[in-house]
Amino acid sequence: MKRTILAPGHELLSYRIHEVTPYINWIYFFHAWGFQPRFAAIANIHGCDSCRALWLTTFPEEERTKASEAMQLFKEANRMLGRLDETISIHCIFRLCQANADGDNLLIEGTTFPLLRQQTPQPDGGPFLCLSDFVRPLSSGTPDIVGLFASTISEEAEETYKNDPYKHLLVQTLNDRLAEAATEKMHEYVRKEAWGPDESLSIPDLLVEKYQGIRPAVGYPSLPDQSVNFLLDELLGMKQIGITLTEHGAMHPHSSVCGMMLAHPASRYFAVGKIGEDQLEDYARRRGMPIGNMRKFLATTI
């Protein structure tokens, strides 16, 4: 890992592929290739022929051809990772910011960061959640800490094997997993080194999120508005790791991820779900955007 301190609590981390490969969640890789989660278990099998043959026998006869295909794909993926390790890097940037919650907004280092609250009643009668619920309120008079992050693959990775459709698709699906894996490793570093709680978890434990806190990413159910990428860019400086934003807030390179890190012990993931016109209008006002533009960004939630 190469570490560059940009300012206190604001760091750039660069990883080689072999450093983050153990953090890959292979379930999502295999999903991208049309395999059900049970086939991703090949990633946990010892690489010798006898162990792989024994793994195949755990499947019903009618599924063994599919399992063999998953085994071959996993071999090819690992060979590709070895080739990419010679030239490709993964870069992460994070910043730990003083923040407070002000209703459904976060106030982060002088920037208002609007958020959305659930509007659909919960089956268990639970509260309507918003990410700001997991940050100390402004009325407390005491600042909290919110982490912001972005991760991406070196831009040249997207051009690799452009003339070979199969290898290019293989690289693309691996790039997506590597960006997520680097984010997982970066988050572990932040929790252990920057925030410093007493954490001792295995990588399998990390991949099922047994650590304290959450890491909601932009575009995911609790943070569905892609336009907040512009706010994150202002606070993080994503260009320092090669990320640029389109006019619609999409990140380039494509294999990039950004979001926030919350450490509250009660924090958990949730889906905002569908919102009404009243909340759309309120959110557009808080974002300082015309409601027509905001409607486009929140098309999946309306």
Protein backbone atom coordinates (compact mmCIF):
# COMPACT_ATOMS: atom_id res chain seq x y z
CA MET A 1 0.00 0.00 0.00
CA LYS A 2 1.18 3.50 -0.85
CA ARG A 3 -0.18 6.12 1.52
CA THR A 4 -0.28 9.88 0.89
CA ILE A 5 -1.50 12.24 3.62
CA LEU A 6 -3.26 15.17 1.98
CA ALA A 7 -4.32 16.80 5.28
CA PRO A 8 -5.14 15.51 8.77
CA GLY A 9 -7.85 12.87 8.29
CA HIS A 10 -7.64 13.18 4.50
CA GLU A 11 -5.60 10.45 2.82
CA LEU A 12 -4.97 8.83 -0.54
CA LEU A 13 -4.27 5.09 -0.56
CA SER A 14 -3.00 3.15 -3.58
CA TYR A 15 -3.06 -0.64 -3.71
CA ARG A 16 -1.67 -3.30 -6.00
CA ILE A 17 -4.15 -5.90 -7.13
CA HIS A 18 -2.66 -8.72 -5.04
CA GLU A 19 -3.18 -6.61 -1.91
CA VAL A 20 -6.95 -6.36 -2.39
CA THR A 21 -7.70 -9.71 -4.07
CA PRO A 22 -8.40 -11.40 -0.68
CA TYR A 23 -11.17 -8.81 -0.12
CA ILE A 24 -13.07 -9.64 -3.32
CA ASN A 25 -16.64 -10.76 -2.76
CA TRP A 26 -16.86 -13.42 -5.44
CA ILE A 27 -20.63 -13.80 -5.11
CA TYR A 28 -21.12 -10.53 -7.02
CA PHE A 29 -18.54 -11.48 -9.65
CA PHE A 30 -20.30 -14.75 -10.37
CA HIS A 31 -23.68 -13.01 -10.33
CA ALA A 32 -22.47 -10.75 -13.17
CA TRP A 33 -21.80 -13.92 -15.18
CA GLY A 34 -25.21 -15.45 -14.45
CA PHE A 35 -24.18 -17.85 -11.69
CA GLN A 36 -26.18 -18.32 -8.51
CA PRO A 37 -24.41 -17.64 -5.16
CA ARG A 38 -23.77 -21.31 -4.40
CA PHE A 39 -21.38 -21.54 -7.36
CA ALA A 40 -19.23 -18.75 -5.91
CA ALA A 41 -18.17 -21.19 -3.18
CA ILE A 42 -15.42 -22.35 -5.57
CA ALA A 43 -13.48 -19.30 -4.32
CA ASN A 44 -13.26 -20.95 -0.89
CA ILE A 45 -11.99 -24.30 -2.18
CA HIS A 46 -8.32 -25.30 -2.10
CA GLY A 47 -6.85 -25.12 -5.58
CA CYS A 48 -5.64 -28.71 -5.85
CA ASP A 49 -7.35 -31.06 -8.31
CA SER A 50 -8.63 -33.43 -5.62
CA CYS A 51 -10.34 -30.64 -3.63
CA ARG A 52 -11.97 -29.24 -6.76
CA ALA A 53 -13.14 -32.68 -7.85
CA LEU A 54 -14.62 -33.26 -4.40
CA TRP A 55 -16.38 -29.88 -4.63
CA LEU A 56 -18.02 -30.91 -7.89
CA THR A 57 -19.49 -33.99 -6.21
CA THR A 58 -21.42 -31.76 -3.79
CA PHE A 59 -23.69 -30.69 -6.68
CA PRO A 60 -26.54 -32.73 -8.11
CA GLU A 61 -25.68 -34.42 -11.40
CA GLU A 62 -27.72 -31.93 -13.41
CA GLU A 63 -25.74 -28.97 -11.97
CA ARG A 64 -22.21 -30.31 -12.37
CA THR A 65 -21.74 -28.89 -15.87
CA LYS A 66 -22.62 -25.45 -14.52
CA ALA A 67 -20.31 -26.00 -11.55
CA SER A 68 -17.49 -26.97 -13.93
CA GLU A 69 -18.08 -23.76 -15.86
CA ALA A 70 -17.86 -21.77 -12.62
CA MET A 71 -14.62 -23.54 -11.78
CA GLN A 72 -13.12 -22.70 -15.17
CA LEU A 73 -14.27 -19.08 -14.93
CA PHE A 74 -12.65 -18.76 -11.52
CA LYS A 75 -9.36 -20.13 -12.90
CA GLU A 76 -9.43 -17.66 -15.78
CA ALA A 77 -10.31 -14.79 -13.45
CA ASN A 78 -7.30 -15.53 -11.25
CA ARG A 79 -5.00 -15.79 -14.23
CA MET A 80 -6.26 -12.43 -15.40
CA LEU A 81 -5.71 -10.90 -11.95
CA GLY A 82 -2.11 -12.08 -12.14
CA ARG A 83 -1.63 -10.35 -15.49
CA LEU A 84 -3.31 -7.13 -14.38
CA ASP A 85 -1.21 -7.01 -11.19
CA GLU A 86 1.79 -6.06 -13.32
CA THR A 87 0.28 -2.81 -14.57
CA ILE A 88 -2.97 -1.84 -12.81
CA SER A 89 -3.42 -0.04 -9.49
CA ILE A 90 -6.48 0.71 -7.39
CA HIS A 91 -6.75 4.11 -5.72
CA CYS A 92 -8.85 5.23 -2.75
CA ILE A 93 -9.31 8.61 -1.15
CA PHE A 94 -11.05 9.27 2.15
CA ARG A 95 -11.67 12.21 4.42
CA LEU A 96 -12.87 12.21 8.01
CA CYS A 97 -15.02 15.29 8.46
CA GLN A 98 -16.62 17.04 11.40
CA ALA A 99 -20.36 16.74 10.93
CA ASN A 100 -23.73 17.07 12.62
CA ALA A 101 -27.25 16.11 11.71
CA ASP A 102 -29.78 18.89 11.19
CA GLY A 103 -33.07 17.13 10.55
CA ASP A 104 -32.68 15.19 7.30
CA ASN A 105 -29.53 17.10 6.38
CA LEU A 106 -25.94 16.49 7.32
CA LEU A 107 -23.79 19.56 7.90
CA ILE A 108 -20.32 18.45 6.79
CA GLU A 109 -17.44 20.92 7.07
CA GLY A 110 -19.73 23.83 6.18
CA THR A 111 -21.48 21.95 3.34
CA THR A 112 -25.16 21.01 3.57
CA PHE A 113 -25.59 17.39 2.50
CA PRO A 114 -29.32 16.64 2.07
CA LEU A 115 -30.59 13.09 2.59
CA LEU A 116 -33.84 11.22 2.06
CA ARG A 117 -36.03 9.62 4.71
CA GLN A 118 -38.16 6.52 4.26
CA GLN A 119 -41.83 7.26 3.63
CA THR A 120 -43.30 3.76 3.41
CA PRO A 121 -44.38 2.24 6.76
CA GLN A 122 -42.17 -0.63 7.91
CA PRO A 123 -43.70 -4.13 8.21
CA ASP A 124 -42.42 -4.39 11.77
CA GLY A 125 -43.67 -0.92 12.71
CA GLY A 126 -40.11 0.38 12.96
CA PRO A 127 -39.13 4.05 12.53
CA PHE A 128 -38.79 5.81 9.20
CA LEU A 129 -35.01 5.91 8.78
CA CYS A 130 -32.64 8.49 7.33
CA LEU A 131 -28.83 8.27 7.34
CA SER A 132 -28.75 11.49 9.38
CA ASP A 133 -30.28 9.50 12.27
CA PHE A 134 -26.86 7.91 12.82
CA VAL A 135 -24.99 11.22 13.27
CA ARG A 136 -24.98 13.35 16.42
CA PRO A 137 -27.56 16.18 16.09
CA LEU A 138 -26.51 19.80 15.82
CA SER A 139 -28.55 20.58 18.94
CA SER A 140 -26.11 18.48 21.01
CA GLY A 141 -23.44 21.13 20.56
CA THR A 142 -20.84 18.43 19.98
CA PRO A 143 -19.46 17.61 16.52
CA ASP A 144 -19.50 14.04 15.23
CA ILE A 145 -17.27 12.46 12.56
CA VAL A 146 -18.46 11.27 9.16
CA GLY A 147 -16.14 9.60 6.68
CA LEU A 148 -16.34 10.25 2.94
CA PHE A 149 -14.63 8.03 0.38
CA ALA A 150 -14.11 7.25 -3.29
CA SER A 151 -12.29 4.34 -4.95
CA THR A 152 -11.38 3.63 -8.55
CA ILE A 153 -9.31 1.50 -10.90
CA SER A 154 -6.49 2.99 -12.98
CA GLU A 155 -8.06 4.38 -16.15
CA GLU A 156 -5.91 2.19 -18.42
CA ALA A 157 -7.66 -0.88 -17.01
CA GLU A 158 -10.80 0.02 -18.96
CA GLU A 159 -8.87 -0.18 -22.24
CA THR A 160 -7.37 -3.61 -21.55
CA TYR A 161 -8.18 -6.32 -24.13
CA LYS A 162 -10.53 -3.99 -26.03
CA ASN A 163 -10.19 -6.20 -29.13
CA ASP A 164 -11.07 -9.44 -27.30
CA PRO A 165 -14.74 -9.30 -26.20
CA TYR A 166 -14.49 -12.19 -23.71
CA LYS A 167 -11.30 -10.99 -22.02
CA HIS A 168 -12.55 -7.41 -22.02
CA LEU A 169 -15.76 -8.45 -20.26
CA LEU A 170 -13.74 -10.53 -17.81
CA VAL A 171 -11.56 -7.50 -17.02
CA GLN A 172 -14.60 -5.24 -16.64
CA THR A 173 -16.31 -7.54 -14.14
CA LEU A 174 -13.05 -7.96 -12.23
CA ASN A 175 -12.46 -4.19 -12.19
CA ASP A 176 -15.84 -3.64 -10.54
CA ARG A 177 -15.01 -6.19 -7.84
CA LEU A 178 -11.51 -4.77 -7.33
CA ALA A 179 -12.88 -1.25 -6.75
CA GLU A 180 -15.27 -2.67 -4.14
CA ALA A 181 -12.52 -4.83 -2.60
CA ALA A 182 -10.18 -1.86 -2.29
CA THR A 183 -12.99 0.07 -0.61
CA GLU A 184 -13.43 -2.78 1.87
CA LYS A 185 -9.70 -2.75 2.66
CA MET A 186 -9.67 1.05 2.93
CA HIS A 187 -12.66 0.98 5.31
CA GLU A 188 -10.86 -1.59 7.47
CA TYR A 189 -7.84 0.74 7.60
CA VAL A 190 -10.04 3.70 8.56
CA ARG A 191 -11.75 1.76 11.36
CA LYS A 192 -8.52 0.34 12.80
CA GLU A 193 -6.09 3.19 12.26
CA ALA A 194 -8.01 6.42 11.90
CA TRP A 195 -10.98 5.76 14.19
CA GLY A 196 -9.14 3.16 16.20
CA PRO A 197 -11.79 0.85 17.69
CA ASP A 198 -10.74 -2.54 19.00
CA GLU A 199 -11.48 -4.66 15.92
CA SER A 200 -10.15 -8.10 15.11
CA LEU A 201 -12.13 -9.66 12.28
CA SER A 202 -11.27 -12.15 9.57
CA ILE A 203 -11.78 -11.23 5.92
CA PRO A 204 -14.86 -13.50 5.67
CA ASP A 205 -16.28 -11.60 8.67
CA LEU A 206 -15.60 -8.30 6.89
CA LEU A 207 -17.36 -9.46 3.76
CA VAL A 208 -20.55 -10.15 5.74
CA GLU A 209 -20.19 -6.77 7.48
CA LYS A 210 -19.69 -7.87 11.07
CA TYR A 211 -17.83 -4.64 11.84
CA GLN A 212 -19.37 -1.66 13.60
CA GLY A 213 -20.85 0.99 11.32
CA ILE A 214 -21.97 1.11 7.70
CA ARG A 215 -20.60 2.30 4.36
CA PRO A 216 -23.54 3.43 2.19
CA ALA A 217 -22.48 4.06 -1.40
CA VAL A 218 -24.07 6.51 -3.82
CA GLY A 219 -26.73 4.85 -5.95
CA TYR A 220 -27.54 2.23 -3.33
CA PRO A 221 -30.95 2.05 -1.57
CA SER A 222 -30.18 4.37 1.36
CA LEU A 223 -28.34 6.95 -0.80
CA PRO A 224 -30.12 6.81 -4.18
CA ASP A 225 -29.41 10.32 -5.51
CA GLN A 226 -26.45 10.27 -7.91
CA SER A 227 -26.29 14.07 -7.87
CA VAL A 228 -24.69 13.97 -4.41
CA ASN A 229 -21.52 12.83 -6.21
CA PHE A 230 -20.98 16.53 -6.90
CA LEU A 231 -21.06 17.28 -3.16
CA LEU A 232 -18.68 14.41 -2.43
CA ASP A 233 -16.32 15.65 -5.13
CA GLU A 234 -16.24 19.13 -3.58
CA LEU A 235 -15.32 17.67 -0.18
CA LEU A 236 -12.97 14.90 -1.34
CA GLY A 237 -11.31 16.08 -4.53
CA MET A 238 -11.93 12.92 -6.54
CA LYS A 239 -9.74 14.10 -9.41
CA GLN A 240 -6.76 13.33 -7.19
CA ILE A 241 -7.39 9.63 -7.87
CA GLY A 242 -8.49 10.11 -11.48
CA ILE A 243 -12.28 10.21 -11.06
CA THR A 244 -14.21 12.71 -13.16
CA LEU A 245 -17.97 13.27 -13.18
CA THR A 246 -20.29 13.60 -16.14
CA GLU A 247 -22.95 16.31 -16.19
CA HIS A 248 -25.33 13.71 -14.73
CA GLY A 249 -23.00 12.85 -11.85
CA ALA A 250 -21.84 9.49 -13.22
CA MET A 251 -18.25 8.57 -12.38
CA HIS A 252 -15.47 7.84 -14.84
CA PRO A 253 -13.73 5.38 -14.83
CA HIS A 254 -16.84 3.23 -14.68
CA SER A 255 -15.31 0.90 -12.05
CA SER A 256 -15.55 3.47 -9.28
CA VAL A 257 -17.52 3.73 -6.06
CA CYS A 258 -18.06 6.55 -3.57
CA GLY A 259 -20.11 7.24 -0.49
CA MET A 260 -19.83 7.80 3.24
CA MET A 261 -18.74 5.90 6.34
CA LEU A 262 -20.78 6.07 9.54
CA ALA A 263 -19.55 4.59 12.80
CA HIS A 264 -22.65 4.75 15.01
CA PRO A 265 -23.12 1.32 16.66
CA ALA A 266 -26.85 1.32 15.80
CA SER A 267 -26.34 2.28 12.16
CA ARG A 268 -27.72 -0.16 9.61
CA TYR A 269 -28.56 -0.38 5.95
CA PHE A 270 -32.07 0.33 4.70
CA ALA A 271 -33.89 1.29 1.51
CA VAL A 272 -35.43 4.74 1.19
CA GLY A 273 -38.03 3.24 -1.15
CA LYS A 274 -40.70 5.31 -2.83
CA ILE A 275 -41.13 8.96 -1.90
CA GLY A 276 -44.06 11.34 -2.43
CA GLU A 277 -44.26 14.64 -4.29
CA ASP A 278 -44.06 16.55 -1.01
CA GLN A 279 -40.71 14.98 -0.14
CA LEU A 280 -39.45 15.42 -3.70
CA GLU A 281 -40.23 19.15 -3.49
CA ASP A 282 -38.62 19.44 -0.06
CA TYR A 283 -35.52 17.54 -1.14
CA ALA A 284 -35.14 19.61 -4.34
CA ARG A 285 -35.31 22.76 -2.20
CA ARG A 286 -32.66 21.43 0.18
CA ARG A 287 -30.44 20.38 -2.76
CA GLY A 288 -30.92 23.78 -4.38
CA MET A 289 -31.98 22.18 -7.68
CA PRO A 290 -35.03 22.67 -9.93
CA ILE A 291 -37.63 20.02 -9.17
CA GLY A 292 -37.56 18.83 -12.80
CA ASN A 293 -33.83 18.05 -12.57
CA MET A 294 -34.27 16.44 -9.20
CA ARG A 295 -37.03 14.23 -10.56
CA LYS A 296 -34.58 12.81 -13.12
CA PHE A 297 -32.02 11.95 -10.45
CA LEU A 298 -34.66 10.29 -8.28
CA ALA A 299 -36.62 8.54 -11.03
CA THR A 300 -36.29 5.13 -9.31
CA THR A 301 -37.73 6.40 -6.03
CA ILE A 302 -40.80 8.26 -7.30
